[in-house]
Amino acid sequence: MATFEQLIKDSWKLVEKEHAATYVDEVFIGGLVSTMLESGHALFDVSSTGDNHNMMFENLGNQDRVIIQIRHESNALAEAKTLGHRMQFTCGYGMRAKTIGKLISSSWRESLSGALDDIGSIMYDVQGNYLFASMPLYIKADDYVDMDTLTPDFEKMAGDISAITEKLKEFVEVNGGHDHGTF
């Protein structure tokens, strides 16, 4: 038979797990920001509405930019336990545009989106003098955060962000961005 003290401890463990499920995205974002800073990027802009988080980083060496948008889809413990901590994750890579004339042309947009087949789509955007390619993904924060200790896996984050940005960089370079630097 359980003691009163044990019932209280067990109750608090459940409350802590329930609470932790609501801020896993913040732990993920903290790990992501640390990873980007470690790779030579500066946090250029950040905004959040609670569930939607937007960040822009600038490479201090070449002024290329990385935009990351995150929406945490599973805040409830029961949902997170069954389906994982799902997130909409969009990563974009931007370079200063070489020529504005090429950016106005729409034919280059279709030329590279086809390279992804059925995997996803590349979205292009022009912000100021920057040409961006971005890729929307659906990920699980559980793959990047140890759910028992709430510790980010910095190495996995760095590897996956690098893989995404390297591919997006190729798309931008072909479509009018300058050619220098990597993640």
C-alpha atoms as a PDB file:
ATOM      1  CA  MET A   1       0.000   0.000   0.000  1.00  0.00           C
ATOM      2  CA  ALA A   2       1.287   3.439  -0.950  1.00  0.00           C
ATOM      3  CA  THR A   3       2.085   6.047   1.630  1.00  0.00           C
ATOM      4  CA  PHE A   4       0.594   9.517   1.594  1.00  0.00           C
ATOM      5  CA  GLU A   5       4.016  10.965   0.791  1.00  0.00           C
ATOM      6  CA  GLN A   6       4.471   8.579  -2.156  1.00  0.00           C
ATOM      7  CA  LEU A   7       1.062   9.538  -3.571  1.00  0.00           C
ATOM      8  CA  ILE A   8       2.060  13.212  -3.404  1.00  0.00           C
ATOM      9  CA  LYS A   9       5.417  12.507  -5.133  1.00  0.00           C
ATOM     10  CA  ASP A  10       3.721  10.471  -7.863  1.00  0.00           C
ATOM     11  CA  SER A  11       1.151  13.207  -8.348  1.00  0.00           C
ATOM     12  CA  TRP A  12       3.857  15.850  -8.778  1.00  0.00           C
ATOM     13  CA  LYS A  13       5.703  13.644 -11.302  1.00  0.00           C
ATOM     14  CA  LEU A  14       2.549  13.548 -13.415  1.00  0.00           C
ATOM     15  CA  VAL A  15       2.067  17.300 -13.115  1.00  0.00           C
ATOM     16  CA  GLU A  16       5.699  17.887 -14.146  1.00  0.00           C
ATOM     17  CA  LYS A  17       5.327  15.611 -17.195  1.00  0.00           C
ATOM     18  CA  GLU A  18       2.112  17.379 -18.192  1.00  0.00           C
ATOM     19  CA  HIS A  19       3.797  20.751 -17.823  1.00  0.00           C
ATOM     20  CA  ALA A  20       6.924  19.653 -19.712  1.00  0.00           C
ATOM     21  CA  ALA A  21       4.789  18.646 -22.704  1.00  0.00           C
ATOM     22  CA  THR A  22       3.767  22.286 -23.101  1.00  0.00           C
ATOM     23  CA  TYR A  23       7.303  23.664 -23.382  1.00  0.00           C
ATOM     24  CA  VAL A  24       9.216  21.038 -25.366  1.00  0.00           C
ATOM     25  CA  ASP A  25       9.163  23.465 -28.290  1.00  0.00           C
ATOM     26  CA  GLU A  26      11.019  26.004 -26.158  1.00  0.00           C
ATOM     27  CA  VAL A  27      13.707  23.447 -25.308  1.00  0.00           C
ATOM     28  CA  PHE A  28      13.943  22.571 -29.017  1.00  0.00           C
ATOM     29  CA  ILE A  29      14.246  26.259 -29.954  1.00  0.00           C
ATOM     30  CA  GLY A  30      16.909  26.833 -27.301  1.00  0.00           C
ATOM     31  CA  GLY A  31      18.938  23.970 -28.751  1.00  0.00           C
ATOM     32  CA  LEU A  32      18.382  25.254 -32.266  1.00  0.00           C
ATOM     33  CA  VAL A  33      19.505  28.799 -31.403  1.00  0.00           C
ATOM     34  CA  SER A  34      22.608  27.445 -29.643  1.00  0.00           C
ATOM     35  CA  THR A  35      23.388  25.257 -32.656  1.00  0.00           C
ATOM     36  CA  MET A  36      23.062  28.160 -35.084  1.00  0.00           C
ATOM     37  CA  LEU A  37      25.181  30.486 -32.929  1.00  0.00           C
ATOM     38  CA  GLU A  38      27.843  27.785 -32.639  1.00  0.00           C
ATOM     39  CA  SER A  39      27.954  27.520 -36.452  1.00  0.00           C
ATOM     40  CA  GLY A  40      28.820  31.217 -36.901  1.00  0.00           C
ATOM     41  CA  HIS A  41      25.339  32.668 -37.285  1.00  0.00           C
ATOM     42  CA  ALA A  42      23.883  35.607 -35.390  1.00  0.00           C
ATOM     43  CA  LEU A  43      20.260  35.714 -34.311  1.00  0.00           C
ATOM     44  CA  PHE A  44      19.013  38.528 -36.534  1.00  0.00           C
ATOM     45  CA  ASP A  45      15.287  38.526 -35.751  1.00  0.00           C
ATOM     46  CA  VAL A  46      12.905  36.537 -33.536  1.00  0.00           C
ATOM     47  CA  SER A  47       9.165  36.586 -32.870  1.00  0.00           C
ATOM     48  CA  SER A  48       6.703  34.242 -31.212  1.00  0.00           C
ATOM     49  CA  THR A  49       2.973  34.028 -30.650  1.00  0.00           C
ATOM     50  CA  GLY A  50       3.287  31.155 -28.174  1.00  0.00           C
ATOM     51  CA  ASP A  51       2.783  28.302 -30.627  1.00  0.00           C
ATOM     52  CA  ASN A  52       4.325  29.931 -33.714  1.00  0.00           C
ATOM     53  CA  HIS A  53       8.022  30.770 -33.502  1.00  0.00           C
ATOM     54  CA  ASN A  54       9.938  32.662 -36.214  1.00  0.00           C
ATOM     55  CA  MET A  55      13.687  33.181 -36.287  1.00  0.00           C
ATOM     56  CA  MET A  56      16.142  34.647 -38.772  1.00  0.00           C
ATOM     57  CA  PHE A  57      19.857  34.036 -38.510  1.00  0.00           C
ATOM     58  CA  GLU A  58      22.626  35.694 -40.499  1.00  0.00           C
ATOM     59  CA  ASN A  59      25.951  34.075 -41.288  1.00  0.00           C
ATOM     60  CA  LEU A  60      28.546  36.477 -39.931  1.00  0.00           C
ATOM     61  CA  GLY A  61      31.050  35.466 -42.615  1.00  0.00           C
ATOM     62  CA  ASN A  62      29.026  35.912 -45.806  1.00  0.00           C
ATOM     63  CA  GLN A  63      25.691  37.522 -44.785  1.00  0.00           C
ATOM     64  CA  ASP A  64      23.615  34.564 -46.025  1.00  0.00           C
ATOM     65  CA  ARG A  65      20.456  34.097 -43.990  1.00  0.00           C
ATOM     66  CA  VAL A  66      18.580  31.145 -42.536  1.00  0.00           C
ATOM     67  CA  ILE A  67      14.914  31.518 -41.645  1.00  0.00           C
ATOM     68  CA  ILE A  68      13.238  28.976 -39.375  1.00  0.00           C
ATOM     69  CA  GLN A  69       9.535  28.831 -38.588  1.00  0.00           C
ATOM     70  CA  ILE A  70       8.195  26.353 -36.047  1.00  0.00           C
ATOM     71  CA  ARG A  71       4.683  25.499 -34.923  1.00  0.00           C
ATOM     72  CA  HIS A  72       4.332  22.992 -32.061  1.00  0.00           C
ATOM     73  CA  GLU A  73       1.328  20.805 -32.896  1.00  0.00           C
ATOM     74  CA  SER A  74       1.090  18.545 -29.834  1.00  0.00           C
ATOM     75  CA  ASN A  75       1.019  20.322 -26.473  1.00  0.00           C
ATOM     76  CA  ALA A  76      -1.086  17.780 -24.572  1.00  0.00           C
ATOM     77  CA  LEU A  77       0.755  14.976 -22.792  1.00  0.00           C
ATOM     78  CA  ALA A  78      -1.571  12.208 -24.020  1.00  0.00           C
ATOM     79  CA  GLU A  79      -1.236  13.346 -27.634  1.00  0.00           C
ATOM     80  CA  ALA A  80       2.541  13.742 -27.324  1.00  0.00           C
ATOM     81  CA  LYS A  81       2.884  10.283 -25.725  1.00  0.00           C
ATOM     82  CA  THR A  82       0.942   8.611 -28.545  1.00  0.00           C
ATOM     83  CA  LEU A  83       2.035  10.634 -31.567  1.00  0.00           C
ATOM     84  CA  GLY A  84       5.176  12.386 -30.373  1.00  0.00           C
ATOM     85  CA  HIS A  85       5.833  16.100 -30.131  1.00  0.00           C
ATOM     86  CA  ARG A  86       4.985  16.986 -33.712  1.00  0.00           C
ATOM     87  CA  MET A  87       6.084  20.283 -35.238  1.00  0.00           C
ATOM     88  CA  GLN A  88       5.604  22.063 -38.503  1.00  0.00           C
ATOM     89  CA  PHE A  89       9.150  23.100 -39.334  1.00  0.00           C
ATOM     90  CA  THR A  90       9.993  25.373 -42.247  1.00  0.00           C
ATOM     91  CA  CYS A  91      13.610  26.154 -42.999  1.00  0.00           C
ATOM     92  CA  GLY A  92      14.644  28.759 -45.533  1.00  0.00           C
ATOM     93  CA  TYR A  93      18.018  29.774 -46.931  1.00  0.00           C
ATOM     94  CA  GLY A  94      18.626  33.184 -48.441  1.00  0.00           C
ATOM     95  CA  MET A  95      21.409  34.889 -50.358  1.00  0.00           C
ATOM     96  CA  ARG A  96      21.783  38.352 -51.761  1.00  0.00           C
ATOM     97  CA  ALA A  97      20.405  38.293 -55.283  1.00  0.00           C
ATOM     98  CA  LYS A  98      22.847  38.754 -58.169  1.00  0.00           C
ATOM     99  CA  THR A  99      20.317  40.279 -60.534  1.00  0.00           C
ATOM    100  CA  ILE A 100      16.748  41.392 -60.007  1.00  0.00           C
ATOM    101  CA  GLY A 101      15.839  40.593 -63.635  1.00  0.00           C
ATOM    102  CA  LYS A 102      16.226  36.873 -63.098  1.00  0.00           C
ATOM    103  CA  LEU A 103      14.123  37.055 -59.935  1.00  0.00           C
ATOM    104  CA  ILE A 104      11.162  38.485 -61.823  1.00  0.00           C
ATOM    105  CA  SER A 105      11.136  35.579 -64.263  1.00  0.00           C
ATOM    106  CA  SER A 106       8.814  32.771 -63.176  1.00  0.00           C
ATOM    107  CA  SER A 107      10.298  30.013 -65.343  1.00  0.00           C
ATOM    108  CA  TRP A 108      13.168  29.355 -62.923  1.00  0.00           C
ATOM    109  CA  ARG A 109      10.720  28.594 -60.102  1.00  0.00           C
ATOM    110  CA  GLU A 110       9.261  25.558 -61.816  1.00  0.00           C
ATOM    111  CA  SER A 111      12.667  24.311 -62.953  1.00  0.00           C
ATOM    112  CA  LEU A 112      13.822  23.340 -59.476  1.00  0.00           C
ATOM    113  CA  SER A 113      10.618  22.419 -57.681  1.00  0.00           C
ATOM    114  CA  GLY A 114      10.398  19.426 -60.016  1.00  0.00           C
ATOM    115  CA  ALA A 115      13.745  18.164 -58.717  1.00  0.00           C
ATOM    116  CA  LEU A 116      12.048  17.205 -55.442  1.00  0.00           C
ATOM    117  CA  ASP A 117       9.503  14.879 -57.068  1.00  0.00           C
ATOM    118  CA  ASP A 118       6.885  13.999 -54.456  1.00  0.00           C
ATOM    119  CA  ILE A 119       9.030  14.826 -51.426  1.00  0.00           C
ATOM    120  CA  GLY A 120       7.854  18.404 -50.992  1.00  0.00           C
ATOM    121  CA  SER A 121       8.077  21.796 -52.550  1.00  0.00           C
ATOM    122  CA  ILE A 122      10.503  24.667 -52.607  1.00  0.00           C
ATOM    123  CA  MET A 123       9.084  28.110 -52.058  1.00  0.00           C
ATOM    124  CA  TYR A 124      10.941  31.159 -53.318  1.00  0.00           C
ATOM    125  CA  ASP A 125      10.655  34.615 -51.891  1.00  0.00           C
ATOM    126  CA  VAL A 126      12.380  37.898 -52.431  1.00  0.00           C
ATOM    127  CA  GLN A 127      12.886  40.005 -49.307  1.00  0.00           C
ATOM    128  CA  GLY A 128      14.886  43.144 -49.892  1.00  0.00           C
ATOM    129  CA  ASN A 129      17.864  42.040 -51.952  1.00  0.00           C
ATOM    130  CA  TYR A 130      17.678  38.444 -50.740  1.00  0.00           C
ATOM    131  CA  LEU A 131      16.436  35.425 -52.645  1.00  0.00           C
ATOM    132  CA  PHE A 132      15.112  32.675 -50.346  1.00  0.00           C
ATOM    133  CA  ALA A 133      14.265  29.043 -50.925  1.00  0.00           C
ATOM    134  CA  SER A 134      12.397  27.337 -48.115  1.00  0.00           C
ATOM    135  CA  MET A 135      11.239  23.821 -47.399  1.00  0.00           C
ATOM    136  CA  PRO A 136       8.286  22.943 -45.159  1.00  0.00           C
ATOM    137  CA  LEU A 137       8.783  19.771 -43.123  1.00  0.00           C
ATOM    138  CA  TYR A 138       6.908  17.870 -40.442  1.00  0.00           C
ATOM    139  CA  ILE A 139       9.200  16.702 -37.623  1.00  0.00           C
ATOM    140  CA  LYS A 140       9.070  15.262 -34.107  1.00  0.00           C
ATOM    141  CA  ALA A 141      10.842  17.208 -31.369  1.00  0.00           C
ATOM    142  CA  ASP A 142      11.328  13.818 -29.657  1.00  0.00           C
ATOM    143  CA  ASP A 143      13.985  13.072 -32.291  1.00  0.00           C
ATOM    144  CA  TYR A 144      15.986  16.132 -31.172  1.00  0.00           C
ATOM    145  CA  VAL A 145      15.247  16.400 -27.445  1.00  0.00           C
ATOM    146  CA  ASP A 146      15.765  13.724 -24.784  1.00  0.00           C
ATOM    147  CA  MET A 147      12.274  13.688 -23.285  1.00  0.00           C
ATOM    148  CA  ASP A 148      13.442  12.401 -19.886  1.00  0.00           C
ATOM    149  CA  THR A 149      16.084  15.076 -19.281  1.00  0.00           C
ATOM    150  CA  LEU A 150      14.786  17.735 -21.718  1.00  0.00           C
ATOM    151  CA  THR A 151      18.269  18.017 -23.205  1.00  0.00           C
ATOM    152  CA  PRO A 152      18.654  18.919 -26.904  1.00  0.00           C
ATOM    153  CA  ASP A 153      20.750  16.720 -29.195  1.00  0.00           C
ATOM    154  CA  PHE A 154      22.929  19.512 -30.587  1.00  0.00           C
ATOM    155  CA  GLU A 155      24.847  17.218 -32.920  1.00  0.00           C
ATOM    156  CA  LYS A 156      21.698  15.874 -34.598  1.00  0.00           C
ATOM    157  CA  MET A 157      20.275  19.386 -34.907  1.00  0.00           C
ATOM    158  CA  ALA A 158      23.468  20.698 -36.491  1.00  0.00           C
ATOM    159  CA  GLY A 159      23.652  17.779 -38.924  1.00  0.00           C
ATOM    160  CA  ASP A 160      20.031  18.032 -40.021  1.00  0.00           C
ATOM    161  CA  ILE A 161      20.043  21.845 -40.343  1.00  0.00           C
ATOM    162  CA  SER A 162      23.240  21.598 -42.366  1.00  0.00           C
ATOM    163  CA  ALA A 163      21.712  18.980 -44.687  1.00  0.00           C
ATOM    164  CA  ILE A 164      18.638  21.163 -45.271  1.00  0.00           C
ATOM    165  CA  THR A 165      20.503  24.430 -45.761  1.00  0.00           C
ATOM    166  CA  GLU A 166      23.083  22.896 -48.098  1.00  0.00           C
ATOM    167  CA  LYS A 167      20.333  21.657 -50.426  1.00  0.00           C
ATOM    168  CA  LEU A 168      18.403  24.936 -50.249  1.00  0.00           C
ATOM    169  CA  LYS A 169      21.634  26.834 -50.932  1.00  0.00           C
ATOM    170  CA  GLU A 170      22.045  24.863 -54.180  1.00  0.00           C
ATOM    171  CA  PHE A 171      18.566  25.921 -55.292  1.00  0.00           C
ATOM    172  CA  VAL A 172      19.221  29.571 -54.480  1.00  0.00           C
ATOM    173  CA  GLU A 173      22.633  29.617 -56.215  1.00  0.00           C
ATOM    174  CA  VAL A 174      21.163  28.218 -59.415  1.00  0.00           C
ATOM    175  CA  ASN A 175      18.405  30.806 -59.343  1.00  0.00           C
ATOM    176  CA  GLY A 176      20.298  34.015 -58.870  1.00  0.00           C
ATOM    177  CA  GLY A 177      21.998  34.022 -55.473  1.00  0.00           C
ATOM    178  CA  HIS A 178      25.707  34.676 -55.024  1.00  0.00           C
ATOM    179  CA  ASP A 179      28.082  31.758 -54.619  1.00  0.00           C
ATOM    180  CA  HIS A 180      29.948  31.651 -51.297  1.00  0.00           C
ATOM    181  CA  GLY A 181      29.944  30.119 -47.845  1.00  0.00           C
ATOM    182  CA  THR A 182      28.111  27.198 -46.270  1.00  0.00           C
ATOM    183  CA  PHE A 183      26.339  26.461 -43.031  1.00  0.00           C
END
